[in-house]
N, C-alpha and C. Protein backbone atom coordinates (compact mmCIF):
# COMPACT_ATOMS: atom_id res chain seq x y z
N MET A 1 69.15 -1.31 -9.22
CA MET A 1 68.05 -2.32 -9.24
C MET A 1 68.54 -3.55 -8.19
N ALA A 2 70.12 -3.42 -7.61
CA ALA A 2 70.05 -4.04 -6.93
C ALA A 2 69.71 -4.11 -5.25
N SER A 3 69.23 -2.84 -5.07
CA SER A 3 68.59 -2.71 -4.08
C SER A 3 67.26 -2.90 -4.06
N ARG A 4 66.32 -3.04 -5.15
CA ARG A 4 65.32 -3.97 -5.43
C ARG A 4 65.49 -5.26 -5.30
N ARG A 5 66.56 -5.88 -5.68
CA ARG A 5 66.27 -7.08 -5.73
C ARG A 5 66.81 -8.02 -4.41
N ALA A 6 67.97 -7.16 -3.24
CA ALA A 6 67.33 -7.17 -2.37
C ALA A 6 66.23 -7.13 -1.02
N GLU A 7 65.08 -5.91 -1.92
CA GLU A 7 64.39 -5.79 -0.65
C GLU A 7 62.84 -7.33 -1.38
N LEU A 8 63.26 -7.67 -2.71
CA LEU A 8 62.24 -8.68 -3.25
C LEU A 8 62.75 -10.19 -2.45
N LEU A 9 63.86 -9.86 -2.37
CA LEU A 9 64.23 -11.35 -1.16
C LEU A 9 64.17 -11.25 0.05
N LYS A 10 63.76 -10.70 0.79
CA LYS A 10 63.32 -9.80 2.03
C LYS A 10 61.67 -10.42 1.97
N ILE A 11 61.15 -9.54 0.63
CA ILE A 11 59.75 -10.10 0.98
C ILE A 11 59.47 -11.39 0.46
N PHE A 12 60.50 -12.32 -0.25
CA PHE A 12 60.37 -13.93 -0.21
C PHE A 12 60.78 -14.44 1.35
N MET A 13 61.25 -14.24 1.69
CA MET A 13 61.94 -14.71 2.84
C MET A 13 60.96 -14.64 4.16
N LYS A 14 60.43 -13.50 3.94
CA LYS A 14 58.85 -13.11 4.91
C LYS A 14 57.86 -13.82 4.37
N THR A 15 57.23 -14.17 2.98
CA THR A 15 56.30 -14.85 2.65
C THR A 15 56.34 -16.65 2.85
N ALA A 16 58.06 -16.73 2.39
CA ALA A 16 57.99 -18.57 2.69
C ALA A 16 58.09 -18.85 4.09
N THR A 17 58.65 -17.91 4.92
CA THR A 17 58.31 -17.90 6.25
C THR A 17 57.09 -18.24 6.84
N ASP A 18 56.59 -16.99 6.39
CA ASP A 18 54.67 -17.17 6.73
C ASP A 18 53.83 -18.13 6.11
N ILE A 19 54.03 -18.26 5.11
CA ILE A 19 53.64 -19.63 4.09
C ILE A 19 53.66 -21.34 5.02
N THR A 20 55.04 -21.38 5.31
CA THR A 20 56.03 -22.90 5.79
C THR A 20 55.67 -22.84 7.25
N GLU A 21 55.41 -21.64 7.59
CA GLU A 21 55.51 -21.10 9.34
C GLU A 21 57.10 -21.79 9.56
N ARG A 22 57.82 -21.58 9.30
CA ARG A 22 59.08 -21.99 9.70
C ARG A 22 60.31 -21.37 9.04
N GLU A 23 61.40 -21.13 10.23
CA GLU A 23 62.42 -20.06 10.10
C GLU A 23 63.20 -20.93 9.30
N PHE A 24 63.70 -19.34 8.23
CA PHE A 24 64.65 -20.22 7.23
C PHE A 24 65.65 -19.39 7.95
N PRO A 25 67.17 -19.74 8.16
CA PRO A 25 68.62 -19.36 8.44
C PRO A 25 68.84 -18.74 7.53
N VAL A 26 69.30 -19.05 6.39
CA VAL A 26 69.59 -18.28 5.36
C VAL A 26 69.41 -18.73 3.80
N ILE A 27 68.37 -17.79 3.27
CA ILE A 27 68.22 -18.23 1.87
C ILE A 27 68.99 -17.45 0.90
N SER A 28 69.58 -17.98 0.06
CA SER A 28 70.09 -16.77 -0.77
C SER A 28 69.69 -16.88 -2.21
N GLU A 29 70.05 -15.84 -3.26
CA GLU A 29 69.53 -16.26 -4.77
C GLU A 29 69.49 -17.48 -5.43
N THR A 30 70.42 -17.98 -4.86
CA THR A 30 71.16 -19.48 -5.49
C THR A 30 70.51 -20.75 -5.22
N THR A 31 69.56 -20.65 -3.77
CA THR A 31 68.51 -21.79 -3.20
C THR A 31 67.89 -22.14 -4.08
N GLU A 32 67.76 -23.51 -4.03
CA GLU A 32 66.60 -23.79 -4.98
C GLU A 32 65.24 -24.10 -4.13
N ILE A 33 63.77 -23.44 -4.66
CA ILE A 33 62.69 -23.89 -3.47
C ILE A 33 63.01 -24.53 -2.92
N SER A 34 62.87 -25.96 -4.05
CA SER A 34 62.64 -27.59 -3.29
C SER A 34 63.74 -27.45 -1.99
N GLU A 35 64.52 -27.20 -1.92
CA GLU A 35 65.99 -27.49 -0.63
C GLU A 35 65.08 -26.51 0.19
N LEU A 36 63.95 -25.90 0.48
CA LEU A 36 62.92 -25.06 1.61
C LEU A 36 62.15 -25.91 2.01
N GLY A 37 61.76 -27.30 1.09
CA GLY A 37 60.91 -27.99 1.52
C GLY A 37 59.69 -27.33 1.03
N ILE A 38 59.69 -26.25 0.20
CA ILE A 38 58.72 -26.13 -0.46
C ILE A 38 58.01 -26.85 -1.62
N ASP A 39 56.74 -27.28 -0.99
CA ASP A 39 56.33 -27.96 -3.04
C ASP A 39 55.75 -27.15 -3.77
N SER A 40 55.34 -27.50 -4.66
CA SER A 40 54.10 -27.22 -6.07
C SER A 40 53.18 -26.05 -5.45
N LEU A 41 52.49 -26.80 -4.57
CA LEU A 41 51.17 -25.86 -4.05
C LEU A 41 51.80 -24.96 -3.05
N GLY A 42 52.73 -24.52 -2.07
CA GLY A 42 53.40 -23.99 -1.09
C GLY A 42 53.93 -22.54 -2.41
N MET A 43 54.84 -23.18 -3.06
CA MET A 43 55.04 -21.85 -4.47
C MET A 43 53.95 -21.25 -4.92
N LEU A 44 52.90 -22.10 -4.61
CA LEU A 44 51.79 -21.47 -5.54
C LEU A 44 51.41 -20.13 -4.37
N GLU A 45 51.02 -20.76 -3.20
CA GLU A 45 51.10 -19.94 -2.25
C GLU A 45 51.97 -18.32 -2.16
N ILE A 46 52.96 -19.12 -2.31
CA ILE A 46 54.01 -18.03 -1.91
C ILE A 46 53.42 -16.75 -3.31
N VAL A 47 53.94 -17.44 -4.58
CA VAL A 47 53.49 -16.27 -5.33
C VAL A 47 52.21 -15.55 -5.51
N GLY A 48 51.60 -16.03 -4.74
CA GLY A 48 49.59 -14.97 -4.37
C GLY A 48 49.98 -14.28 -3.77
N SER A 49 50.52 -14.62 -2.59
CA SER A 49 50.90 -13.64 -1.66
C SER A 49 51.98 -12.73 -1.77
N MET A 50 52.71 -12.99 -3.02
CA MET A 50 53.57 -12.10 -3.38
C MET A 50 53.18 -11.07 -4.50
N GLU A 51 52.33 -11.78 -4.88
CA GLU A 51 51.19 -10.52 -6.34
C GLU A 51 50.92 -9.53 -5.62
N ARG A 52 50.17 -10.29 -4.40
CA ARG A 52 48.93 -9.06 -3.66
C ARG A 52 49.76 -8.19 -3.12
N GLU A 53 51.06 -8.31 -2.66
CA GLU A 53 51.61 -7.39 -1.98
C GLU A 53 52.46 -6.36 -2.88
N LEU A 54 53.15 -7.11 -4.09
CA LEU A 54 54.04 -6.12 -5.17
C LEU A 54 52.77 -5.51 -5.72
N LYS A 55 51.85 -5.97 -5.99
CA LYS A 55 50.28 -5.43 -6.89
C LYS A 55 50.60 -5.82 -8.73
N VAL A 56 51.58 -6.87 -8.89
CA VAL A 56 51.55 -7.51 -9.88
C VAL A 56 50.86 -8.89 -10.23
N ARG A 57 50.88 -9.21 -11.35
CA ARG A 57 50.23 -10.67 -12.00
C ARG A 57 51.39 -11.44 -12.76
N LEU A 58 51.85 -11.91 -12.36
CA LEU A 58 52.72 -13.10 -12.70
C LEU A 58 52.31 -13.74 -13.60
N PRO A 59 53.18 -13.96 -15.09
CA PRO A 59 52.23 -14.93 -15.76
C PRO A 59 52.50 -16.73 -15.04
N ASP A 60 51.66 -17.57 -15.72
CA ASP A 60 51.88 -18.86 -15.33
C ASP A 60 52.68 -19.38 -15.93
N GLU A 61 52.77 -19.29 -17.14
CA GLU A 61 53.81 -20.03 -18.07
C GLU A 61 55.02 -19.63 -17.60
N ALA A 62 55.91 -18.84 -16.89
CA ALA A 62 56.66 -18.59 -16.06
C ALA A 62 57.02 -19.14 -15.10
N LEU A 63 55.86 -19.39 -14.19
CA LEU A 63 55.73 -19.97 -12.95
C LEU A 63 56.21 -21.58 -13.53
N THR A 64 56.22 -21.84 -14.23
CA THR A 64 57.27 -23.30 -14.57
C THR A 64 58.22 -23.94 -14.68
N SER A 65 59.51 -22.46 -15.04
CA SER A 65 60.58 -22.37 -14.99
C SER A 65 61.13 -22.06 -13.85
N ILE A 66 60.46 -21.58 -13.15
CA ILE A 66 61.19 -21.26 -11.50
C ILE A 66 61.64 -22.71 -10.68
N VAL A 67 62.68 -22.54 -10.30
CA VAL A 67 63.64 -23.72 -9.79
C VAL A 67 64.07 -22.74 -8.76
N THR A 68 65.05 -21.87 -8.87
CA THR A 68 65.74 -20.75 -7.57
C THR A 68 65.13 -19.83 -7.12
N VAL A 69 65.83 -19.35 -6.17
CA VAL A 69 64.68 -18.01 -5.64
C VAL A 69 65.06 -16.84 -7.00
N LYS A 70 66.64 -17.06 -7.09
CA LYS A 70 66.92 -15.40 -8.09
C LYS A 70 65.69 -15.97 -9.37
N ASP A 71 65.36 -17.13 -10.13
CA ASP A 71 64.30 -17.21 -10.96
C ASP A 71 63.15 -16.77 -10.69
N LEU A 72 62.72 -16.92 -9.46
CA LEU A 72 61.13 -15.94 -8.95
C LEU A 72 61.72 -14.76 -9.46
N LEU A 73 62.39 -14.10 -8.30
CA LEU A 73 62.92 -12.69 -8.13
C LEU A 73 63.04 -11.87 -9.99
N GLU A 74 63.60 -12.83 -10.45
CA GLU A 74 63.78 -12.11 -11.93
C GLU A 74 62.54 -12.22 -12.59
N VAL A 75 61.45 -13.36 -12.69
CA VAL A 75 60.33 -12.76 -13.05
C VAL A 75 59.59 -11.60 -12.81
N VAL A 76 59.99 -11.42 -11.76
CA VAL A 76 59.08 -10.71 -11.00
C VAL A 76 60.01 -8.99 -11.10
N GLU A 77 60.84 -8.93 -11.44
CA GLU A 77 61.41 -8.03 -12.22
C GLU A 77 61.06 -7.10 -13.18
N GLU A 78 61.07 -8.30 -13.67
CA GLU A 78 60.64 -8.49 -15.44
C GLU A 78 59.45 -7.81 -15.73
N LYS A 79 58.73 -8.54 -14.82
CA LYS A 79 56.85 -7.88 -15.07
C LYS A 79 57.02 -6.43 -13.99
N GLU A 80 57.50 -5.87 -13.47
CA GLU A 80 57.88 -5.25 -12.74
C GLU A 80 58.14 -3.80 -13.75
N ALA A 81 59.26 -4.42 -14.60
CA ALA A 81 59.84 -3.41 -15.70
C ALA A 81 58.66 -3.21 -16.94
N ARG A 82 57.87 -4.81 -17.29
CA ARG A 82 57.00 -4.29 -18.13
C ARG A 82 56.02 -3.14 -18.11
N ALA A 83 55.49 -3.73 -16.76
CA ALA A 83 54.89 -2.45 -16.05
C ALA A 83 55.25 -1.36 -15.59
N ALA A 84 56.15 -1.12 -15.42
CA ALA A 84 56.28 0.23 -15.59
C ALA A 84 57.06 1.09 -17.30
N GLY A 85 57.24 0.39 -18.26
CA GLY A 85 57.51 0.62 -19.32
C GLY A 85 55.62 0.89 -19.94
N ALA A 86 54.99 0.19 -19.64
CA ALA A 86 53.60 0.10 -20.12
C ALA A 86 52.87 1.86 -19.41
N SER A 87 52.95 2.07 -17.89
CA SER A 87 52.80 3.10 -17.35
C SER A 87 53.17 4.07 -18.00
N SER A 88 54.96 4.60 -18.33
CA SER A 88 55.16 5.47 -18.66
C SER A 88 54.46 5.85 -20.40
N VAL A 89 54.23 4.86 -21.27
CA VAL A 89 53.80 4.92 -22.73
C VAL A 89 52.33 5.59 -22.40
N SER A 90 51.74 5.14 -21.56
CA SER A 90 49.86 5.18 -21.46
C SER A 90 50.13 6.96 -21.63
N ARG A 91 51.17 7.08 -20.74
CA ARG A 91 51.40 8.61 -19.99
C ARG A 91 51.61 9.68 -20.79
N ALA A 92 52.21 8.91 -21.66
CA ALA A 92 52.77 9.91 -23.39
C ALA A 92 51.61 11.05 -24.26
């Protein structure tokens, strides 16, 4: 799971850089998204881009509780885990 988390962090960093057109020297899981100068509209753009890249749909209600990068990564991981579980059940 740790390697997947590192991969998701890289995807977030690339997406945030592309959306904001700014380089971020350091982004960690504990970084608050607002500290990056990303407002709610920017966050929606980042989430939409990540959804398309990762082929997942994040629930709107989960997005309201995202404060840190870790919060976002956990929502993505949870959605991927549910999708994988549903996929394995449908194959059974």
